[in-house]
Amino acid sequence: MKQSDRIETLLSENGISPTPNRVLVLGLLAREQKPMSLADIEACIWTLERSSIFRVLKLFQDKGVIHTIDDGSSITKYLLCDIRQHNAVHSHAHFYCDRCRQIITIESPDFVPLKLPKGCTAHEINYVVHGICMDCAEKP
């Protein structure tokens, strides 16, 4: 199956019409497999206006196709959700390097169970660990 067919299938499975703009944005996020800011996406897809990209990202977030990462930089990053977590509570852990600003997904994190207040339901849990990555630690 071609990448464009997989993207269209993913959109359709989430109740999203596969318009050219949506296929373009989701294709980029699928290809990059790293957190990207609106400015990063805009630089890669210069044929779309910022407002169009933002509307697509908002729709994807509302439908659970992508999630956001708040790394403390005041710049929201977007990342394609793990398909295995679809329709579940999205639990993510990321490592943010304070020097190079790289964000690394932490695979299979062990989360301490959270006791939510009575009547509250979680839909996303997002942990960000700040520090210095291995590449930066090796530099003088």
Protein backbone atom coordinates (compact mmCIF):
# COMPACT_ATOMS: atom_id res chain seq x y z
CA MET A 1 0.00 0.00 0.00
CA LYS A 2 1.38 3.42 -0.96
CA GLN A 3 2.01 6.08 1.71
CA SER A 4 -0.75 8.29 0.28
CA ASP A 5 -3.22 5.38 0.46
CA ARG A 6 -2.25 4.72 4.11
CA ILE A 7 -2.73 8.40 4.93
CA GLU A 8 -6.16 8.49 3.28
CA THR A 9 -7.15 5.29 5.10
CA LEU A 10 -6.03 6.72 8.45
CA LEU A 11 -8.05 9.87 7.83
CA SER A 12 -11.15 7.95 6.76
CA GLU A 13 -10.91 5.61 9.78
CA ASN A 14 -11.02 8.70 12.00
CA GLY A 15 -14.02 10.25 10.26
CA ILE A 16 -11.95 12.86 8.41
CA SER A 17 -12.46 13.54 4.72
CA PRO A 18 -9.10 13.16 2.97
CA THR A 19 -8.78 16.61 1.37
CA PRO A 20 -5.48 17.52 -0.32
CA ASN A 21 -4.46 19.82 2.57
CA ARG A 22 -5.15 17.15 5.18
CA VAL A 23 -3.30 14.46 3.22
CA LEU A 24 -0.34 16.82 2.80
CA VAL A 25 -0.08 17.73 6.51
CA LEU A 26 -0.61 14.20 7.79
CA GLY A 27 1.83 12.83 5.22
CA LEU A 28 4.50 15.21 6.52
CA LEU A 29 3.90 14.24 10.16
CA ALA A 30 3.95 10.54 9.25
CA ARG A 31 7.14 10.91 7.24
CA GLU A 32 9.02 13.03 9.82
CA GLN A 33 8.02 10.96 12.90
CA LYS A 34 9.20 13.77 15.19
CA PRO A 35 7.45 16.60 17.01
CA MET A 36 7.02 19.60 14.74
CA SER A 37 5.88 23.14 15.49
CA LEU A 38 3.47 25.06 13.30
CA ALA A 39 6.46 27.03 11.97
CA ASP A 40 8.32 23.76 11.16
CA ILE A 41 5.32 22.46 9.24
CA GLU A 42 4.83 25.79 7.48
CA ALA A 43 8.49 25.76 6.35
CA CYS A 44 8.03 22.29 4.83
CA ILE A 45 4.64 22.98 3.25
CA TRP A 46 5.08 26.50 1.93
CA THR A 47 2.12 26.07 -0.47
CA LEU A 48 -0.37 26.29 2.43
CA GLU A 49 -1.16 29.33 4.52
CA ARG A 50 -0.44 29.17 8.24
CA SER A 51 -4.16 29.45 9.08
CA SER A 52 -4.98 26.48 6.82
CA ILE A 53 -2.28 24.35 8.44
CA PHE A 54 -3.50 25.34 11.91
CA ARG A 55 -7.10 24.39 11.08
CA VAL A 56 -5.93 20.98 9.83
CA LEU A 57 -3.84 20.43 12.98
CA LYS A 58 -6.76 21.42 15.22
CA LEU A 59 -9.05 18.95 13.43
CA PHE A 60 -6.45 16.17 13.73
CA GLN A 61 -6.02 16.91 17.44
CA ASP A 62 -9.79 16.94 18.04
CA LYS A 63 -10.11 13.57 16.28
CA GLY A 64 -7.18 12.02 18.19
CA VAL A 65 -4.93 11.57 15.15
CA ILE A 66 -2.18 13.77 16.58
CA HIS A 67 -1.26 15.00 20.02
CA THR A 68 0.51 18.10 21.24
CA ILE A 69 3.62 18.37 23.32
CA ASP A 70 4.23 21.25 25.68
CA ASP A 71 7.98 21.15 26.30
CA GLY A 72 8.09 24.39 28.25
CA SER A 73 9.37 26.44 25.29
CA SER A 74 5.95 28.11 24.80
CA ILE A 75 5.86 26.58 21.31
CA THR A 76 3.35 23.79 20.78
CA LYS A 77 4.72 20.75 18.94
CA TYR A 78 2.56 18.24 17.06
CA LEU A 79 3.19 14.51 16.71
CA LEU A 80 1.28 11.69 15.05
CA CYS A 81 -0.37 9.48 17.69
CA ASP A 82 0.69 5.90 18.14
CA ILE A 83 -1.97 3.91 16.27
CA ARG A 84 -1.88 1.24 19.01
CA GLN A 85 -3.26 3.80 21.48
CA HIS A 86 -6.16 4.84 19.29
CA ASN A 87 -9.37 5.28 21.30
CA ALA A 88 -7.45 4.91 24.57
CA VAL A 89 -6.04 7.39 27.05
CA HIS A 90 -3.02 8.84 25.30
CA SER A 91 -0.02 8.51 27.63
CA HIS A 92 3.21 9.96 26.34
CA ALA A 93 6.64 10.65 27.71
CA HIS A 94 9.23 12.75 25.96
CA PHE A 95 12.78 13.86 26.71
CA TYR A 96 13.60 17.48 25.88
CA CYS A 97 17.25 18.46 25.52
CA ASP A 98 17.74 21.92 26.99
CA ARG A 99 20.80 22.53 24.77
CA CYS A 100 19.83 21.40 21.25
CA ARG A 101 16.04 21.51 21.86
CA GLN A 102 15.59 18.04 20.39
CA ILE A 103 12.55 16.09 21.59
CA ILE A 104 12.93 12.32 21.91
CA THR A 105 9.99 9.98 22.52
CA ILE A 106 10.55 7.69 25.50
CA GLU A 107 9.45 4.21 24.49
CA SER A 108 7.35 2.21 26.95
CA PRO A 109 7.51 4.60 29.88
CA ASP A 110 6.53 3.32 33.30
CA PHE A 111 3.97 5.77 34.60
CA VAL A 112 3.05 6.14 38.22
CA PRO A 113 -0.73 5.68 38.30
CA LEU A 114 -2.50 8.96 38.87
CA LYS A 115 -5.49 9.19 41.15
CA LEU A 116 -7.77 11.71 39.53
CA PRO A 117 -10.36 13.64 41.50
CA LYS A 118 -13.74 11.95 41.72
CA GLY A 119 -15.75 12.33 38.52
CA CYS A 120 -12.75 13.34 36.38
CA THR A 121 -11.75 11.38 33.28
CA ALA A 122 -8.34 11.64 31.62
CA HIS A 123 -8.03 11.75 27.86
CA GLU A 124 -4.31 12.49 27.65
CA ILE A 125 -1.29 12.27 29.94
CA ASN A 126 1.85 14.06 28.76
CA TYR A 127 5.16 13.92 30.60
CA VAL A 128 8.23 15.89 29.51
CA VAL A 129 11.62 15.22 31.07
CA HIS A 130 14.14 18.07 30.69
CA GLY A 131 17.88 17.49 30.58
CA ILE A 132 20.87 17.12 28.28
CA CYS A 133 20.82 14.49 25.51
CA MET A 134 23.69 12.06 24.93
CA ASP A 135 24.96 13.96 21.86
CA CYS A 136 25.13 17.25 23.74
CA ALA A 137 26.67 15.62 26.84
CA GLU A 138 29.58 14.36 24.71
CA LYS A 139 30.33 17.88 23.38
CA PRO A 140 32.73 20.08 25.38
